[in-house]
Amino acid sequence: MAEEEPTPKADHEAHTKLIEEKAGSSESSAMTSDSKSSGGSRRLICSVILIFLLLAGITTLIVWLVYRPHKPRFTVVGAAIYELNTTAQSVMTTTMQFTIVTRNPNRRVSIFYDRLSAYVSYRNQAITPAVMLPDLFHDKKSTVALAPVLGGGGVAVPVSLEVVNGLVMDEAYGVVGLRLVLMGRLRWKAGAIRSAKYRVIVKCDVLVGFKKGLLGQVPLLGSPGCDVAV
């Protein structure tokens, strides 16, 4: 039996199928090319960001090493007690004044203080209300003196019986140990660069010569450098 010759319809269908296969192959190649191009762009962007972050980190480290700030120093150089009264009801009224000298040891960095407050404690209990102090600018390699008056105004502060009895004994002995506490926020400034705000706490432990009934300037029997935490 003789083989049947392909009909024009079969030839047309085969030709159409060949065209579709070529078109699909072209689309697949185009999609693969687009995918490679997109992946390359993402890698380039990630590389640029990584290099930028690395350079920023190196720059920050260099600036920190050059301008690395040292903590300020505080010292109590004078004290006066104008009132120190306790009652059996475990309350006390106090008026004191301390002269504090603070030193900025940095040659390239200035210091800004804000929201400064101060109070006096005895045996880890506050015996004066906290007093707000004015904002302070501390220039490079400079020294500033403060002399806040703490307490006063007849404001009574509740204290424990331990504080009342301890003060009675210390006054009889003639030596009273007090702690002056300053708290606030601090910023460093180096050229046009300003740091974030940091909490600063200064604790100054002092021994003063004081007997009941003797008011005014009192001698400092011991005044080591204050502890500064930033």
Protein backbone atom coordinates (compact mmCIF):
# COMPACT_ATOMS: atom_id res chain seq x y z
CA MET A 1 0.00 0.00 0.00
CA ALA A 2 1.39 3.42 -0.91
CA GLU A 3 2.16 5.94 1.93
CA GLU A 4 -0.22 8.87 2.22
CA GLU A 5 1.30 12.20 1.40
CA PRO A 6 1.08 14.95 4.07
CA THR A 7 -1.87 17.22 3.61
CA PRO A 8 -1.53 21.03 3.48
CA LYS A 9 -3.37 21.19 6.84
CA ALA A 10 -0.76 18.97 8.53
CA ASP A 11 2.06 21.06 7.07
CA HIS A 12 0.45 24.22 8.45
CA GLU A 13 0.04 22.76 11.95
CA ALA A 14 3.67 21.59 12.02
CA HIS A 15 4.88 25.00 10.91
CA THR A 16 2.75 26.73 13.57
CA LYS A 17 4.12 24.41 16.27
CA LEU A 18 7.70 25.14 15.22
CA ILE A 19 7.08 28.89 15.43
CA GLU A 20 5.55 28.56 18.93
CA GLU A 21 8.52 26.49 20.13
CA LYS A 22 10.96 29.13 18.83
CA ALA A 23 8.93 31.91 20.47
CA GLY A 24 8.86 30.05 23.80
CA SER A 25 12.60 29.49 23.60
CA SER A 26 13.16 33.22 22.95
CA GLU A 27 10.94 34.22 25.89
CA SER A 28 12.74 31.78 28.17
CA SER A 29 16.11 33.18 27.11
CA ALA A 30 14.87 36.73 27.66
CA MET A 31 13.55 35.84 31.14
CA THR A 32 16.85 34.17 32.03
CA SER A 33 18.75 37.24 30.85
CA ASP A 34 16.47 39.58 32.84
CA SER A 35 16.86 37.39 35.93
CA LYS A 36 20.65 37.48 35.66
CA SER A 37 20.59 41.24 35.14
CA SER A 38 18.32 41.76 38.19
CA GLY A 39 20.49 39.53 40.36
CA GLY A 40 23.62 41.42 39.28
CA SER A 41 22.01 44.77 40.15
CA ARG A 42 21.05 43.56 43.61
CA ARG A 43 24.57 42.30 44.27
CA LEU A 44 25.99 45.64 43.12
CA ILE A 45 23.66 47.61 45.43
CA CYS A 46 24.51 45.33 48.38
CA SER A 47 28.22 45.75 47.70
CA VAL A 48 27.91 49.55 47.57
CA ILE A 49 25.95 49.61 50.87
CA LEU A 50 28.50 47.31 52.53
CA ILE A 51 31.42 49.46 51.39
CA PHE A 52 29.63 52.63 52.61
CA LEU A 53 28.96 51.11 56.05
CA LEU A 54 32.55 49.92 56.29
CA LEU A 55 33.93 53.37 55.43
CA ALA A 56 31.51 55.03 57.88
CA GLY A 57 32.63 52.65 60.63
CA ILE A 58 36.31 53.32 59.93
CA THR A 59 35.69 57.09 59.92
CA THR A 60 33.79 56.89 63.22
CA LEU A 61 36.59 54.84 64.78
CA ILE A 62 39.24 57.33 63.64
CA VAL A 63 37.22 60.29 64.98
CA TRP A 64 36.70 58.47 68.29
CA LEU A 65 40.41 57.68 68.64
CA VAL A 66 41.38 61.28 67.86
CA TYR A 67 38.70 62.96 69.98
CA ARG A 68 38.15 60.25 72.58
CA PRO A 69 36.74 62.19 75.55
CA HIS A 70 37.87 61.72 79.12
CA LYS A 71 35.40 62.04 81.96
CA PRO A 72 35.25 65.37 83.79
CA ARG A 73 36.72 65.62 87.29
CA PHE A 74 34.87 66.97 90.32
CA THR A 75 36.29 67.97 93.71
CA VAL A 76 34.63 69.50 96.76
CA VAL A 77 36.80 72.37 98.02
CA GLY A 78 34.50 74.04 100.57
CA ALA A 79 31.44 73.41 102.75
CA ALA A 80 29.13 75.41 105.00
CA ILE A 81 26.28 74.23 107.25
CA TYR A 82 23.73 76.88 108.19
CA GLU A 83 21.03 74.59 109.56
CA LEU A 84 20.94 70.94 110.61
CA ASN A 85 17.98 70.16 112.85
CA THR A 86 16.43 66.79 113.57
CA THR A 87 13.29 65.97 115.53
CA ALA A 88 11.95 62.95 117.36
CA GLN A 89 9.39 62.58 114.57
CA SER A 90 12.23 61.56 112.22
CA VAL A 91 12.17 64.66 110.06
CA MET A 92 14.93 67.18 109.55
CA THR A 93 15.48 70.63 108.10
CA THR A 94 18.82 71.42 106.54
CA THR A 95 20.60 74.25 104.78
CA MET A 96 24.03 73.52 103.35
CA GLN A 97 26.32 74.94 100.72
CA PHE A 98 29.12 73.15 98.92
CA THR A 99 31.76 74.61 96.62
CA ILE A 100 32.62 72.20 93.83
CA VAL A 101 35.37 72.60 91.27
CA THR A 102 34.95 70.67 88.04
CA ARG A 103 37.73 70.23 85.49
CA ASN A 104 37.39 69.32 81.80
CA PRO A 105 40.67 67.51 80.99
CA ASN A 106 40.02 67.25 77.24
CA ARG A 107 42.08 69.31 74.78
CA ARG A 108 39.71 68.89 71.82
CA VAL A 109 36.32 68.19 73.40
CA SER A 110 33.91 70.56 75.17
CA ILE A 111 31.11 69.42 77.50
CA PHE A 112 27.50 70.53 77.81
CA TYR A 113 25.49 69.74 80.94
CA ASP A 114 21.73 70.07 81.24
CA ARG A 115 19.02 69.04 83.71
CA LEU A 116 21.58 69.12 86.50
CA SER A 117 20.30 68.56 90.03
CA ALA A 118 22.00 68.12 93.41
CA TYR A 119 21.17 66.85 96.87
CA VAL A 120 22.94 65.73 100.05
CA SER A 121 22.63 62.28 101.60
CA TYR A 122 23.68 60.83 104.92
CA ARG A 123 24.02 57.07 105.39
CA ASN A 124 22.52 56.57 101.92
CA GLN A 125 19.39 58.60 102.70
CA ALA A 126 18.62 62.00 101.21
CA ILE A 127 18.54 64.76 103.83
CA THR A 128 17.86 67.65 101.40
CA PRO A 129 15.43 67.93 98.50
CA ALA A 130 16.96 67.81 95.02
CA VAL A 131 17.75 71.31 93.72
CA MET A 132 17.84 72.09 89.99
CA LEU A 133 21.05 73.78 88.80
CA PRO A 134 21.50 75.96 85.71
CA ASP A 135 22.77 74.40 82.49
CA LEU A 136 26.54 74.44 82.22
CA PHE A 137 28.99 74.71 79.31
CA HIS A 138 32.46 73.38 80.01
CA ASP A 139 35.04 74.54 77.47
CA LYS A 140 38.16 72.58 76.54
CA LYS A 141 40.81 72.36 79.28
CA SER A 142 38.82 74.64 81.57
CA THR A 143 37.84 74.72 85.24
CA VAL A 144 34.43 75.78 86.55
CA ALA A 145 33.34 76.37 90.17
CA LEU A 146 29.81 75.75 91.46
CA ALA A 147 28.44 76.70 94.88
CA PRO A 148 24.83 75.47 95.15
CA VAL A 149 22.79 76.04 98.32
CA LEU A 150 20.96 72.85 99.21
CA GLY A 151 17.92 72.62 101.43
CA GLY A 152 16.66 75.73 103.16
CA GLY A 153 13.25 77.30 103.13
CA GLY A 154 12.19 75.32 106.16
CA VAL A 155 11.43 72.28 104.01
CA ALA A 156 11.29 69.19 106.24
CA VAL A 157 12.61 65.90 104.83
CA PRO A 158 11.45 62.59 106.36
CA VAL A 159 14.35 60.41 107.47
CA SER A 160 14.80 57.14 109.31
CA LEU A 161 15.54 56.82 113.02
CA GLU A 162 19.00 55.56 112.03
CA VAL A 163 19.75 58.94 110.43
CA VAL A 164 18.50 60.87 113.47
CA ASN A 165 20.53 58.80 115.95
CA GLY A 166 23.59 58.74 113.68
CA LEU A 167 23.67 62.52 113.35
CA VAL A 168 23.34 62.97 117.09
CA MET A 169 26.36 60.74 117.69
CA ASP A 170 28.44 62.24 114.86
CA GLU A 171 27.75 65.79 116.03
CA ALA A 172 28.81 64.84 119.53
CA TYR A 173 32.02 63.37 118.11
CA GLY A 174 32.57 66.41 115.89
CA VAL A 175 32.87 64.63 112.52
CA VAL A 176 30.00 64.13 110.06
CA GLY A 177 30.25 62.11 106.86
CA LEU A 178 28.11 63.45 104.01
CA ARG A 179 27.65 62.60 100.35
CA LEU A 180 26.98 65.28 97.74
CA VAL A 181 25.25 63.86 94.65
CA LEU A 182 24.91 65.61 91.28
CA MET A 183 22.86 64.12 88.44
CA GLY A 184 22.11 65.28 84.93
CA ARG A 185 22.79 64.75 81.26
CA LEU A 186 26.04 65.32 79.40
CA ARG A 187 26.96 65.87 75.74
CA TRP A 188 30.42 65.94 74.18
CA LYS A 189 31.25 68.48 71.44
CA ALA A 190 34.26 68.12 69.15
CA GLY A 191 34.30 70.74 66.41
CA ALA A 192 30.97 70.52 64.60
CA ILE A 193 30.27 67.03 65.99
CA ARG A 194 27.96 66.63 68.99
CA SER A 195 27.38 63.34 70.72
CA ALA A 196 24.13 61.94 72.01
CA LYS A 197 23.12 62.77 75.58
CA TYR A 198 24.53 60.58 78.33
CA ARG A 199 23.39 60.32 81.93
CA VAL A 200 26.03 61.52 84.38
CA ILE A 201 26.08 60.86 88.13
CA VAL A 202 28.68 62.44 90.44
CA LYS A 203 29.11 61.24 94.03
CA CYS A 204 31.36 63.17 96.42
CA ASP A 205 31.98 61.69 99.88
CA VAL A 206 33.24 64.29 102.34
CA LEU A 207 34.01 64.44 106.04
CA VAL A 208 33.28 67.77 107.72
CA GLY A 209 34.14 68.99 111.20
CA PHE A 210 30.81 69.93 112.77
CA LYS A 211 29.38 70.20 116.29
CA LYS A 212 25.81 71.12 117.13
CA GLY A 213 25.36 74.87 117.48
CA LEU A 214 28.40 75.78 115.37
CA LEU A 215 27.02 77.12 112.07
CA GLY A 216 28.69 78.55 108.99
CA GLN A 217 31.84 77.42 107.21
CA VAL A 218 33.02 74.01 108.35
CA PRO A 219 36.44 72.44 107.79
CA LEU A 220 36.82 69.63 105.28
CA LEU A 221 38.57 66.75 107.02
CA GLY A 222 38.63 64.54 103.97
CA SER A 223 37.70 65.27 100.36
CA PRO A 224 38.99 62.74 97.85
CA GLY A 225 38.14 63.11 94.19
CA CYS A 226 34.50 62.48 93.40
CA ASP A 227 33.33 59.38 91.59
CA VAL A 228 31.99 60.25 88.11
CA ALA A 229 29.87 57.77 86.15
CA VAL A 230 28.89 58.52 82.54
